[in-house]
Amino acid sequence: MKKTIKIDGMSCEHCAKKVELALKSIAEVKKVKVHLKKKEAIVILDASVENQVLTSTIENLGYQVIEIL
């Protein structure tokens, strides 16, 4: 399963890495690629994860989730 998360508030590579590491800490997440210029994260999942879990993980870092596709 693949999800694309649109994220607002990331301004540097450090921000992108922080989001990537936080998402990787979720057990069902297999792979994460954060694109700073596109302001999005591509998440590959082994199993279904509620969007709210992904949203709260990112928003707890101080960034805003715009949408999850």
N, C-alpha and C. Protein backbone atom coordinates (compact mmCIF):
# COMPACT_ATOMS: atom_id res chain seq x y z
N MET A 1 0.85 -1.17 0.00
CA MET A 1 0.00 0.00 0.00
C MET A 1 0.89 1.24 0.00
N LYS A 2 0.53 2.22 -0.81
CA LYS A 2 1.30 3.46 -0.92
C LYS A 2 0.42 4.65 -0.59
N LYS A 3 0.97 5.58 0.20
CA LYS A 3 0.25 6.82 0.51
C LYS A 3 1.18 8.00 0.25
N THR A 4 0.61 9.06 -0.29
CA THR A 4 1.35 10.31 -0.49
C THR A 4 0.79 11.33 0.49
N ILE A 5 1.67 11.89 1.30
CA ILE A 5 1.26 12.85 2.33
C ILE A 5 1.80 14.22 1.97
N LYS A 6 0.90 15.18 1.77
CA LYS A 6 1.29 16.56 1.50
C LYS A 6 1.52 17.25 2.84
N ILE A 7 2.71 17.85 3.00
CA ILE A 7 3.13 18.41 4.29
C ILE A 7 3.53 19.87 4.12
N ASP A 8 3.07 20.72 5.03
CA ASP A 8 3.45 22.13 5.03
C ASP A 8 4.35 22.41 6.23
N GLY A 9 5.33 23.29 6.05
CA GLY A 9 6.17 23.71 7.16
C GLY A 9 7.60 23.20 7.12
N MET A 10 7.90 22.26 6.22
CA MET A 10 9.28 21.79 6.10
C MET A 10 10.08 22.82 5.30
N SER A 11 11.23 23.25 5.85
CA SER A 11 12.00 24.29 5.17
C SER A 11 13.43 23.89 4.86
N CYS A 12 13.86 22.71 5.34
CA CYS A 12 15.25 22.31 5.11
C CYS A 12 15.36 20.79 5.11
N GLU A 13 16.54 20.30 4.75
CA GLU A 13 16.77 18.86 4.73
C GLU A 13 16.65 18.24 6.11
N HIS A 14 17.01 19.01 7.13
CA HIS A 14 16.88 18.52 8.51
C HIS A 14 15.41 18.24 8.82
N CYS A 15 14.52 19.13 8.39
CA CYS A 15 13.07 18.94 8.59
C CYS A 15 12.61 17.66 7.90
N ALA A 16 13.04 17.49 6.66
CA ALA A 16 12.64 16.32 5.88
C ALA A 16 13.13 15.03 6.54
N LYS A 17 14.37 15.04 7.05
CA LYS A 17 14.93 13.86 7.71
C LYS A 17 14.18 13.53 8.99
N LYS A 18 13.79 14.59 9.72
CA LYS A 18 13.03 14.41 10.96
C LYS A 18 11.69 13.72 10.68
N VAL A 19 11.01 14.16 9.63
CA VAL A 19 9.73 13.56 9.23
C VAL A 19 9.94 12.11 8.80
N GLU A 20 10.98 11.89 8.01
CA GLU A 20 11.29 10.54 7.52
C GLU A 20 11.53 9.57 8.68
N LEU A 21 12.35 9.96 9.63
CA LEU A 21 12.65 9.10 10.78
C LEU A 21 11.41 8.83 11.63
N ALA A 22 10.58 9.85 11.81
CA ALA A 22 9.36 9.68 12.61
C ALA A 22 8.40 8.69 11.94
N LEU A 23 8.24 8.82 10.62
CA LEU A 23 7.35 7.91 9.90
C LEU A 23 7.90 6.48 9.90
N LYS A 24 9.22 6.34 9.79
CA LYS A 24 9.84 5.01 9.81
C LYS A 24 9.67 4.32 11.15
N SER A 25 9.41 5.08 12.20
CA SER A 25 9.23 4.48 13.53
C SER A 25 7.89 3.78 13.68
N ILE A 26 6.97 4.00 12.74
CA ILE A 26 5.67 3.31 12.76
C ILE A 26 5.89 1.89 12.23
N ALA A 27 5.45 0.90 13.00
CA ALA A 27 5.74 -0.51 12.70
C ALA A 27 5.32 -0.94 11.29
N GLU A 28 4.20 -0.48 10.81
CA GLU A 28 3.68 -0.93 9.51
C GLU A 28 4.36 -0.25 8.32
N VAL A 29 5.16 0.78 8.58
CA VAL A 29 5.82 1.53 7.50
C VAL A 29 7.05 0.75 7.03
N LYS A 30 7.07 0.45 5.74
CA LYS A 30 8.16 -0.32 5.14
C LYS A 30 9.24 0.61 4.59
N LYS A 31 8.82 1.70 3.94
CA LYS A 31 9.76 2.61 3.28
C LYS A 31 9.18 4.01 3.25
N VAL A 32 10.04 5.02 3.39
CA VAL A 32 9.61 6.42 3.35
C VAL A 32 10.58 7.21 2.50
N LYS A 33 10.05 8.08 1.64
CA LYS A 33 10.87 9.02 0.89
C LYS A 33 10.22 10.40 1.02
N VAL A 34 10.94 11.33 1.62
CA VAL A 34 10.41 12.69 1.79
C VAL A 34 11.04 13.58 0.73
N HIS A 35 10.18 14.30 -0.01
CA HIS A 35 10.62 15.23 -1.04
C HIS A 35 10.41 16.65 -0.51
N LEU A 36 11.50 17.31 -0.16
CA LEU A 36 11.42 18.65 0.42
C LEU A 36 10.81 19.65 -0.57
N LYS A 37 11.28 19.65 -1.82
CA LYS A 37 10.78 20.62 -2.82
C LYS A 37 9.30 20.42 -3.14
N LYS A 38 8.85 19.16 -3.17
CA LYS A 38 7.44 18.87 -3.45
C LYS A 38 6.59 18.98 -2.20
N LYS A 39 7.26 19.09 -1.03
CA LYS A 39 6.58 19.16 0.27
C LYS A 39 5.65 17.97 0.46
N GLU A 40 6.23 16.76 0.25
CA GLU A 40 5.43 15.56 0.40
C GLU A 40 6.29 14.39 0.87
N ALA A 41 5.62 13.40 1.41
CA ALA A 41 6.26 12.15 1.80
C ALA A 41 5.53 11.01 1.11
N ILE A 42 6.31 10.11 0.52
CA ILE A 42 5.76 8.90 -0.09
C ILE A 42 6.02 7.78 0.92
N VAL A 43 4.95 7.13 1.36
CA VAL A 43 5.06 6.10 2.39
C VAL A 43 4.57 4.77 1.81
N ILE A 44 5.42 3.75 1.93
CA ILE A 44 5.06 2.39 1.53
C ILE A 44 4.78 1.60 2.81
N LEU A 45 3.60 0.98 2.87
CA LEU A 45 3.15 0.29 4.08
C LEU A 45 3.02 -1.21 3.86
N ASP A 46 3.37 -1.99 4.89
CA ASP A 46 3.15 -3.43 4.88
C ASP A 46 1.69 -3.76 5.16
N ALA A 47 1.07 -2.94 6.01
CA ALA A 47 -0.32 -3.15 6.41
C ALA A 47 -1.00 -1.78 6.49
N SER A 48 -2.30 -1.83 6.58
CA SER A 48 -3.07 -0.59 6.64
C SER A 48 -2.78 0.18 7.93
N VAL A 49 -2.64 1.50 7.79
CA VAL A 49 -2.45 2.40 8.92
C VAL A 49 -3.46 3.53 8.77
N GLU A 50 -4.15 3.84 9.85
CA GLU A 50 -5.11 4.95 9.81
C GLU A 50 -4.38 6.25 9.46
N ASN A 51 -5.03 7.07 8.64
CA ASN A 51 -4.45 8.36 8.27
C ASN A 51 -4.18 9.22 9.50
N GLN A 52 -5.00 9.07 10.52
CA GLN A 52 -4.83 9.86 11.74
C GLN A 52 -3.50 9.55 12.43
N VAL A 53 -3.05 8.31 12.35
CA VAL A 53 -1.76 7.93 12.94
C VAL A 53 -0.63 8.64 12.21
N LEU A 54 -0.69 8.64 10.88
CA LEU A 54 0.33 9.33 10.08
C LEU A 54 0.29 10.84 10.34
N THR A 55 -0.92 11.39 10.38
CA THR A 55 -1.09 12.82 10.61
C THR A 55 -0.53 13.23 11.97
N SER A 56 -0.90 12.52 13.02
CA SER A 56 -0.44 12.92 14.36
C SER A 56 1.07 12.76 14.50
N THR A 57 1.65 11.75 13.85
CA THR A 57 3.10 11.56 13.89
C THR A 57 3.81 12.78 13.31
N ILE A 58 3.32 13.29 12.20
CA ILE A 58 3.94 14.45 11.53
C ILE A 58 3.62 15.74 12.29
N GLU A 59 2.37 15.90 12.70
CA GLU A 59 1.98 17.16 13.36
C GLU A 59 2.60 17.29 14.75
N ASN A 60 2.95 16.17 15.40
CA ASN A 60 3.65 16.24 16.68
C ASN A 60 5.06 16.81 16.53
N LEU A 61 5.58 16.81 15.30
CA LEU A 61 6.89 17.39 15.02
C LEU A 61 6.80 18.89 14.73
N GLY A 62 5.57 19.39 14.58
CA GLY A 62 5.37 20.81 14.33
C GLY A 62 5.05 21.17 12.88
N TYR A 63 4.80 20.16 12.05
CA TYR A 63 4.45 20.40 10.65
C TYR A 63 2.96 20.15 10.45
N GLN A 64 2.43 20.62 9.34
CA GLN A 64 0.99 20.48 9.08
C GLN A 64 0.76 19.53 7.90
N VAL A 65 -0.12 18.56 8.11
CA VAL A 65 -0.51 17.66 7.03
C VAL A 65 -1.66 18.33 6.27
N ILE A 66 -1.45 18.53 4.98
CA ILE A 66 -2.46 19.17 4.12
C ILE A 66 -3.47 18.12 3.64
N GLU A 67 -2.95 17.00 3.13
CA GLU A 67 -3.83 15.91 2.69
C GLU A 67 -3.03 14.63 2.57
N ILE A 68 -3.77 13.52 2.58
CA ILE A 68 -3.16 12.20 2.39
C ILE A 68 -3.89 11.55 1.22
N LEU A 69 -3.12 11.18 0.22
CA LEU A 69 -3.69 10.55 -0.98
C LEU A 69 -3.33 9.08 -1.03
